[in-house]
Protein backbone atom coordinates (compact mmCIF):
# COMPACT_ATOMS: atom_id res chain seq x y z
CA MET A 1 79.04 8.38 76.94
CA SER A 2 76.84 5.93 76.02
CA PRO A 3 77.95 3.00 74.11
CA GLU A 4 75.94 4.28 71.09
CA SER A 5 75.47 7.80 69.88
CA PRO A 6 73.17 9.46 67.70
CA GLU A 7 75.73 9.44 65.11
CA SER A 8 76.47 5.74 64.88
CA ALA A 9 72.56 4.69 65.40
CA ALA A 10 71.13 2.86 62.18
CA PRO A 11 68.84 4.65 59.88
CA PRO A 12 65.11 3.73 60.43
CA ARG A 13 63.39 1.36 57.96
CA PRO A 14 61.11 2.24 55.67
CA ALA A 15 57.46 0.85 55.91
CA PRO A 16 56.83 -2.00 53.86
CA LYS A 17 55.20 -1.50 51.02
CA ASP A 18 51.41 -2.80 50.43
CA VAL A 19 51.82 -5.23 48.19
CA GLY A 20 47.59 -5.70 47.65
CA ALA A 21 47.41 -2.15 46.85
CA GLN A 22 49.93 -2.38 44.33
CA ARG A 23 47.91 -5.33 42.90
CA ARG A 24 44.98 -3.03 43.06
CA HIS A 25 46.57 -0.22 40.97
CA PRO A 26 46.12 -1.68 37.52
CA VAL A 27 42.76 -3.08 38.15
CA ARG A 28 41.50 0.49 39.33
CA ARG A 29 43.13 1.82 35.91
CA ALA A 30 41.31 -0.78 34.25
CA PHE A 31 37.89 -0.03 35.76
CA GLY A 32 38.51 3.53 35.12
CA ARG A 33 39.19 3.15 31.71
CA LEU A 34 36.08 0.97 31.47
CA LEU A 35 34.01 3.80 32.72
CA GLN A 36 35.78 6.33 30.34
CA VAL A 37 34.86 3.95 27.30
CA ALA A 38 31.03 3.67 28.70
CA GLY A 39 30.76 7.22 29.20
CA ALA A 40 32.01 7.75 25.50
CA LEU A 41 29.37 5.37 24.30
CA ALA A 42 26.98 6.93 26.15
CA ILE A 43 27.44 10.00 24.98
CA LEU A 44 27.76 8.67 21.23
CA GLY A 45 24.38 6.78 21.81
CA LEU A 46 22.61 10.03 22.72
CA LEU A 47 23.94 11.58 20.25
CA GLY A 48 22.88 9.19 17.68
CA ALA A 49 19.44 9.05 19.33
CA GLY A 50 19.24 12.98 18.98
CA ALA A 51 20.36 12.52 15.08
CA ALA A 52 18.33 9.70 14.57
CA LEU A 53 15.15 11.86 16.29
CA LEU A 54 16.03 14.72 14.35
CA ALA A 55 15.93 12.57 10.88
CA PHE A 56 13.05 11.47 11.95
CA GLN A 57 11.37 14.81 12.67
CA TRP A 58 12.79 15.68 8.92
CA TRP A 59 11.13 13.16 7.45
CA ALA A 60 7.71 13.35 8.83
CA HIS A 61 7.44 17.06 8.10
CA ARG A 62 9.43 16.89 4.54
CA ASP A 63 7.13 17.61 1.34
CA ALA A 64 8.68 15.09 -1.27
CA GLY A 65 6.38 16.05 -3.94
CA ASP A 66 6.89 17.71 -7.13
CA PRO A 67 5.23 21.06 -7.15
CA ASP A 68 5.28 20.89 -10.83
CA ARG A 69 3.53 17.39 -11.79
CA PRO A 70 1.18 17.15 -8.49
CA VAL A 71 -0.11 13.52 -8.66
CA VAL A 72 -3.15 13.25 -6.66
CA GLU A 73 -4.21 9.77 -5.24
CA ALA A 74 -7.76 8.74 -3.93
CA PHE A 75 -7.34 6.93 -0.54
CA GLU A 76 -9.84 5.14 1.82
CA VAL A 77 -10.40 4.59 5.42
CA ARG A 78 -12.64 1.80 5.78
CA LYS A 79 -14.51 0.54 9.04
CA GLY A 80 -12.09 -1.74 11.33
CA ASP A 81 -9.02 -0.14 9.40
CA SER A 82 -5.93 -0.59 11.85
CA LEU A 83 -3.29 2.12 11.61
CA ARG A 84 -0.80 -0.83 10.31
CA THR A 85 -3.33 -1.57 7.59
CA ILE A 86 -3.68 2.11 6.75
CA ALA A 87 0.03 2.62 6.66
CA GLU A 88 0.70 -0.40 4.41
CA ARG A 89 -2.00 0.81 2.03
CA LEU A 90 -0.29 4.50 1.92
CA GLU A 91 2.79 2.83 1.28
CA LYS A 92 1.59 0.56 -1.58
CA GLN A 93 -0.21 3.43 -3.33
CA GLU A 94 3.14 5.36 -2.77
CA ILE A 95 1.35 8.00 -1.07
CA ALA A 96 3.66 7.98 1.73
CA GLY A 97 6.30 5.27 3.46
CA PRO A 98 7.89 3.07 4.48
CA ALA A 99 4.80 1.73 6.61
CA PRO A 100 6.93 1.42 10.05
CA LEU A 101 7.80 5.08 10.06
CA MET A 102 4.27 6.05 9.28
CA ILE A 103 3.02 3.42 12.17
CA ALA A 104 5.79 5.09 14.64
CA LEU A 105 4.52 8.49 13.77
CA GLY A 106 0.82 7.85 14.07
CA LEU A 107 1.31 6.08 17.74
CA LYS A 108 3.63 9.47 18.36
CA GLN A 109 0.89 11.06 17.23
CA LYS A 110 -1.75 9.21 19.03
CA ALA A 111 -3.82 9.08 15.83
CA ASP A 112 -4.30 5.46 15.99
CA ARG A 113 -7.28 5.59 17.88
CA ARG A 114 -8.65 8.91 15.94
CA LEU A 115 -8.95 7.65 12.25
CA VAL A 116 -12.22 8.84 10.66
CA GLN A 117 -13.96 6.72 7.74
CA GLY A 118 -14.15 8.14 4.51
CA ARG A 119 -12.51 8.98 1.11
CA TYR A 120 -9.38 11.20 1.08
CA GLN A 121 -6.95 12.83 -1.55
CA PHE A 122 -3.43 13.44 -1.23
CA HIS A 123 -0.60 14.57 -3.44
CA ARG A 124 2.19 11.69 -3.57
CA GLY A 125 4.70 12.89 -1.52
CA ALA A 126 2.86 14.70 0.70
CA PRO A 127 4.47 15.49 4.74
CA PRO A 128 3.67 11.78 6.34
CA ALA A 129 2.20 14.36 9.35
CA ALA A 130 -0.02 15.92 7.46
CA ILE A 131 -1.43 12.67 5.90
CA LEU A 132 -1.90 11.73 9.43
CA ASP A 133 -3.50 14.78 10.67
CA ARG A 134 -5.76 14.36 7.91
CA LEU A 135 -6.80 11.08 8.37
CA THR A 136 -7.63 12.17 12.03
CA LEU A 137 -9.87 15.39 11.06
CA GLY A 138 -11.86 13.40 8.28
CA PRO A 139 -12.49 13.24 4.44
CA ASP A 140 -12.18 16.03 2.04
CA ILE A 141 -13.88 14.80 -0.58
CA PRO A 142 -17.76 15.04 -0.80
CA THR A 143 -18.77 11.46 -0.26
CA ALA A 144 -21.80 9.35 -0.05
CA ARG A 145 -21.81 6.45 2.52
CA VAL A 146 -23.56 3.60 1.31
CA THR A 147 -23.64 0.19 3.24
CA ILE A 148 -24.44 -3.08 0.98
CA PRO A 149 -25.92 -6.10 3.18
CA GLU A 150 -24.71 -9.37 2.71
CA GLY A 151 -27.26 -11.45 0.31
CA TRP A 152 -28.33 -8.54 -1.66
CA ALA A 153 -28.47 -9.16 -5.43
CA MET A 154 -27.05 -7.15 -7.83
CA ARG A 155 -29.81 -4.90 -8.86
CA ARG A 156 -30.70 -4.28 -5.49
CA VAL A 157 -26.97 -3.22 -5.21
CA ALA A 158 -27.49 -0.63 -8.08
CA ASP A 159 -30.65 0.29 -6.91
CA ARG A 160 -29.05 1.56 -3.19
CA LEU A 161 -26.01 3.27 -5.18
CA ALA A 162 -28.16 5.21 -7.08
CA ALA A 163 -30.21 6.35 -4.27
CA VAL A 164 -27.81 7.81 -2.49
CA GLY A 165 -26.26 9.69 -5.77
CA VAL A 166 -23.37 7.20 -6.41
CA ILE A 167 -24.21 6.41 -9.68
CA GLU A 168 -26.87 8.11 -12.08
CA ASP A 169 -28.26 5.43 -14.10
CA VAL A 170 -29.00 1.71 -12.82
CA GLU A 171 -29.57 0.32 -16.49
CA ALA A 172 -25.73 1.29 -17.45
CA PHE A 173 -24.29 0.13 -14.44
CA LEU A 174 -26.20 -3.67 -14.86
CA ALA A 175 -25.24 -3.66 -18.68
CA LEU A 176 -21.39 -2.62 -17.44
CA ALA A 177 -21.67 -5.45 -14.92
CA ARG A 178 -22.76 -7.65 -17.69
CA ASP A 179 -20.11 -6.64 -20.18
CA PRO A 180 -17.49 -9.34 -21.09
CA ALA A 181 -14.61 -7.49 -21.73
CA PHE A 182 -15.11 -5.23 -19.08
CA LEU A 183 -15.28 -8.90 -16.55
CA GLU A 184 -12.56 -10.03 -18.33
CA THR A 185 -10.37 -7.01 -16.89
CA LEU A 186 -11.62 -7.79 -13.37
CA ARG A 187 -11.00 -11.36 -13.80
CA ILE A 188 -14.31 -12.43 -13.11
CA PRO A 189 -15.60 -15.78 -15.15
CA GLY A 190 -19.24 -16.01 -15.77
CA GLU A 191 -21.59 -13.53 -17.21
CA SER A 192 -22.25 -11.00 -14.76
CA ALA A 193 -20.27 -9.61 -11.50
CA GLU A 194 -23.28 -10.79 -9.58
CA GLY A 195 -21.37 -12.71 -6.48
CA TYR A 196 -18.12 -10.45 -6.50
CA LEU A 197 -19.31 -7.71 -5.61
CA PHE A 198 -18.43 -7.40 -1.64
CA PRO A 199 -20.84 -6.17 1.14
CA ASP A 200 -19.47 -3.58 2.89
CA THR A 201 -19.76 0.14 3.71
CA TYR A 202 -18.38 2.22 1.43
CA PHE A 203 -17.72 5.71 0.45
CA PHE A 204 -17.92 7.33 -3.12
CA GLU A 205 -18.31 10.52 -4.65
CA THR A 206 -21.10 11.67 -6.20
CA PRO A 207 -21.46 10.81 -8.54
CA THR A 208 -18.91 8.09 -9.43
CA ALA A 209 -18.47 6.65 -12.50
CA PRO A 210 -20.17 2.87 -12.77
CA ASP A 211 -16.46 1.00 -13.71
CA VAL A 212 -14.70 2.84 -10.65
CA VAL A 213 -17.73 1.29 -8.50
CA LEU A 214 -17.62 -1.99 -9.94
CA ARG A 215 -13.72 -2.01 -9.86
CA ARG A 216 -13.92 -0.74 -6.10
CA LEU A 217 -16.80 -3.49 -4.83
CA VAL A 218 -14.51 -6.40 -6.75
CA GLU A 219 -11.63 -5.24 -5.29
CA ARG A 220 -12.72 -5.37 -1.96
CA PHE A 221 -14.11 -9.20 -2.54
CA ARG A 222 -10.18 -9.86 -3.77
CA GLU A 223 -9.49 -8.54 -0.39
CA VAL A 224 -11.25 -10.50 1.49
CA ILE A 225 -10.88 -13.78 -0.57
CA ALA A 226 -6.82 -13.36 0.21
CA ALA A 227 -7.33 -12.28 3.95
CA LEU A 228 -9.34 -15.65 3.74
CA SER A 229 -6.87 -17.74 1.90
CA LEU A 230 -9.72 -18.68 -0.22
CA GLU A 231 -7.45 -18.65 -3.38
CA PRO A 232 -8.03 -21.69 -5.77
CA GLY A 233 -6.69 -25.32 -4.45
CA ILE A 234 -7.13 -23.96 -0.59
CA LYS A 235 -9.93 -25.72 0.83
CA SER A 236 -10.92 -28.11 3.45
CA PRO A 237 -10.52 -31.40 3.58
CA HIS A 238 -13.80 -32.01 3.97
CA ALA A 239 -14.96 -29.98 0.94
CA HIS A 240 -16.27 -31.77 -2.39
CA GLY A 241 -13.91 -30.94 -5.45
CA LEU A 242 -15.26 -27.46 -6.78
CA THR A 243 -13.68 -24.79 -9.15
CA PHE A 244 -13.42 -21.20 -7.13
CA ALA A 245 -16.34 -19.97 -9.51
CA GLU A 246 -18.22 -23.03 -8.21
CA SER A 247 -17.57 -22.19 -4.78
CA VAL A 248 -18.77 -18.59 -5.18
CA VAL A 249 -22.04 -19.86 -6.38
CA LEU A 250 -22.23 -22.39 -3.44
CA ALA A 251 -21.47 -19.24 -0.93
CA SER A 252 -24.46 -17.31 -2.83
CA ILE A 253 -26.53 -20.22 -1.89
CA ILE A 254 -26.02 -20.51 1.69
CA GLU A 255 -25.92 -16.70 2.38
CA ARG A 256 -29.49 -16.76 1.34
CA GLU A 257 -30.64 -20.07 3.12
CA VAL A 258 -29.08 -19.07 6.32
CA ARG A 259 -29.70 -16.33 8.98
CA ASP A 260 -27.54 -17.47 11.72
CA PRO A 261 -23.96 -17.39 10.48
CA SER A 262 -23.08 -19.76 12.93
CA GLU A 263 -24.66 -22.41 11.14
CA MET A 264 -22.97 -21.71 7.24
CA PRO A 265 -20.29 -24.41 7.99
CA LEU A 266 -23.06 -26.94 8.94
CA VAL A 267 -25.20 -25.93 5.94
CA SER A 268 -21.98 -25.95 3.83
CA ALA A 269 -21.67 -29.60 4.70
CA VAL A 270 -24.81 -30.69 3.50
CA PHE A 271 -24.50 -29.22 0.24
CA HIS A 272 -21.13 -30.61 -0.06
CA ASN A 273 -22.17 -34.14 0.81
CA ARG A 274 -25.05 -33.79 -1.49
CA LEU A 275 -22.79 -32.84 -4.41
CA ARG A 276 -20.30 -35.62 -3.40
CA ARG A 277 -23.39 -38.07 -3.64
CA GLY A 278 -24.83 -36.60 -6.65
CA MET A 279 -27.90 -35.74 -5.24
CA ARG A 280 -29.61 -32.24 -5.83
CA LEU A 281 -29.49 -29.42 -3.64
CA ASP A 282 -33.10 -28.84 -2.87
CA SER A 283 -32.25 -25.46 -1.93
CA CYS A 284 -35.64 -22.99 -1.51
CA ALA A 285 -33.34 -19.97 -2.26
CA THR A 286 -32.46 -20.98 -5.94
CA VAL A 287 -36.28 -21.45 -6.58
CA ARG A 288 -37.07 -17.98 -5.03
CA HIS A 289 -33.97 -16.50 -6.99
CA ALA A 290 -35.52 -18.29 -10.04
CA ILE A 291 -39.09 -17.17 -9.87
CA ASP A 292 -38.13 -14.22 -8.23
CA LYS A 293 -40.74 -14.50 -5.31
CA TRP A 294 -39.25 -13.83 -2.13
CA ASP A 295 -41.89 -12.72 0.37
CA ALA A 296 -44.25 -15.53 0.33
CA PRO A 297 -44.60 -19.35 0.60
CA LEU A 298 -43.09 -21.50 -1.96
CA THR A 299 -45.67 -23.77 -3.73
CA LEU A 300 -45.25 -27.30 -5.12
CA SER A 301 -45.58 -25.49 -8.35
CA ASP A 302 -42.86 -23.63 -7.32
CA LEU A 303 -40.58 -26.08 -6.51
CA ARG A 304 -41.26 -27.71 -10.26
CA ALA A 305 -40.49 -24.47 -12.03
CA GLU A 306 -38.36 -24.80 -15.01
CA SER A 307 -35.37 -22.82 -14.61
CA PRO A 308 -31.74 -23.84 -14.59
CA PHE A 309 -31.51 -21.88 -11.22
CA ASN A 310 -34.38 -24.94 -9.70
CA THR A 311 -32.00 -27.23 -8.08
CA TYR A 312 -35.34 -28.89 -6.87
CA THR A 313 -35.34 -30.74 -10.28
CA ARG A 314 -31.59 -30.26 -11.48
CA ARG A 315 -28.86 -31.82 -9.96
CA GLY A 316 -25.82 -29.99 -9.41
CA LEU A 317 -24.82 -25.92 -8.75
CA PRO A 318 -26.94 -23.59 -10.39
CA PRO A 319 -24.85 -21.78 -13.40
CA ALA A 320 -24.04 -18.34 -11.59
CA PRO A 321 -24.47 -16.92 -7.99
CA ILE A 322 -27.99 -15.67 -6.83
CA CYS A 323 -26.48 -13.08 -4.50
CA ASN A 324 -23.36 -11.40 -3.42
CA PRO A 325 -22.12 -13.44 -0.51
CA GLY A 326 -20.35 -12.19 2.88
CA ARG A 327 -17.01 -13.29 4.30
CA VAL A 328 -18.83 -15.90 6.52
CA ALA A 329 -20.56 -17.53 3.41
CA LEU A 330 -17.53 -17.43 1.62
CA ASP A 331 -15.18 -19.04 4.28
CA ALA A 332 -17.82 -21.42 4.66
CA ALA A 333 -18.31 -22.48 0.87
CA PHE A 334 -14.74 -23.23 0.66
CA ARG A 335 -13.98 -24.84 4.33
CA PRO A 336 -17.31 -26.85 4.99
CA VAL A 337 -17.17 -28.75 8.58
CA GLU A 338 -16.77 -32.25 8.82
CA SER A 339 -20.46 -33.67 8.87
CA ASP A 340 -22.38 -36.69 7.92
CA ASN A 341 -25.82 -34.63 7.72
CA LEU A 342 -27.76 -34.56 4.39
CA TYR A 343 -30.60 -32.74 5.16
CA PHE A 344 -32.16 -29.49 6.93
CA VAL A 345 -35.25 -27.93 7.57
CA TYR A 346 -36.05 -24.64 8.74
CA ARG A 347 -37.68 -24.64 12.38
CA GLY A 348 -38.89 -21.22 12.30
CA ASP A 349 -36.59 -19.62 14.93
CA GLY A 350 -34.20 -18.36 12.63
CA ARG A 351 -32.01 -21.70 12.74
CA HIS A 352 -32.56 -25.20 11.23
CA ALA A 353 -32.47 -28.76 12.62
CA PHE A 354 -30.11 -31.04 10.76
CA SER A 355 -30.41 -34.94 9.86
CA LYS A 356 -28.68 -37.90 8.20
CA THR A 357 -31.25 -39.81 6.57
CA LEU A 358 -34.24 -38.96 4.93
CA ARG A 359 -36.45 -40.87 7.71
CA GLU A 360 -35.32 -38.27 10.29
CA HIS A 361 -35.82 -35.55 7.71
CA GLU A 362 -39.21 -36.33 7.16
CA ALA A 363 -40.30 -36.47 10.95
CA LEU A 364 -38.18 -33.32 11.23
CA ARG A 365 -40.39 -31.75 8.55
CA ARG A 366 -43.71 -32.83 9.87
CA GLN A 367 -42.25 -31.34 13.53
CA TYR A 368 -41.22 -27.87 11.78
CA ARG A 369 -44.13 -28.26 9.04
CA ASP A 370 -45.56 -24.40 9.52
CA ALA A 371 -42.55 -22.80 9.64
CA TRP A 372 -40.77 -24.80 6.94
CA ALA A 373 -43.86 -23.91 4.78
CA LEU A 374 -42.90 -19.98 5.03
CA SER A 375 -39.31 -20.84 3.91
CA ALA A 376 -36.21 -22.58 4.80
CA SER A 377 -34.67 -19.41 3.41
CA ARG A 378 -34.78 -15.41 3.91
CA GLN A 379 -38.56 -14.15 3.38
CA ALA A 380 -37.39 -10.93 1.87
CA ASP A 381 -34.74 -9.91 -0.37
CA GLY A 382 -31.99 -8.15 1.73
CA GLU A 383 -33.88 -8.99 5.21
């Protein structure tokens, strides 16, 4: 018998425990919990996104109008209006909103590049999706499209409006445009709306009441003034001190003097410099307005014509605008560039030659004598 029997043999020792595995178990458990939480959050996020999408779709197609008291609002899409601009105006007129949701809906419907100019009618509270659909299909109000060029005088504007059927009586339109009580409601200083009828393309019902037309043109003027930050007090450091109304008068002169818009700030600087020094403006455009002579050369007797609008015989600005200036002329009148120039003369090619002294100016006048004799301003009203 062997010294050690099976019964007396020691039991086998258990395998040593994996300490590293024991330590990893809590890490695995924590990571698993993290995955569970992330999964739950993802599910909640998807549910939330789905709910938001359903809410968005509900908002886009809901009709929030009162069927017993429908309120019809006129709305105009203008040339160059962006989806953001339209959405903000829809919200402002309480037709639809809020604007960010309308912008998102417009992008979703790919309506941002398909918006059609014109005049529309909407029931306040109409479904936003239906509003955007209509804006891409085209206007539903019978309208006339009328373009008013920069530099047209008020009567020319009235004649154009009558020609396309927007107004029926030119004289009634002009009388209202000179009515002090009506001008006060428009916050227009002076004796007429001349200078404040902004040149642009408009859509009007045919016919439209004269007060509605005038308000629309003046509202557009105010919008442009606000967009250019040209409210009173905001001027270039190179500007001579002028009131808001005086700046509009100056803008009307610049509009009639200059063919190339890039020269408008330069011409404005000349006029500001002359006003600062107490010099006469010597503007041919004001003389042409005074004697209503737009299609023939000015004579010496024309330059001596007795009129408050003749800046060859009177110092300072004329008493009122001589036309309706556009965006560039308005901006130039309020914000002239820095310049020492006091003179300019028409070269005959649509541009001007500028000078600082009278001697330089006289030399340039001799050089461009034939062109200057024709005019330093536009040759025909509306050209």
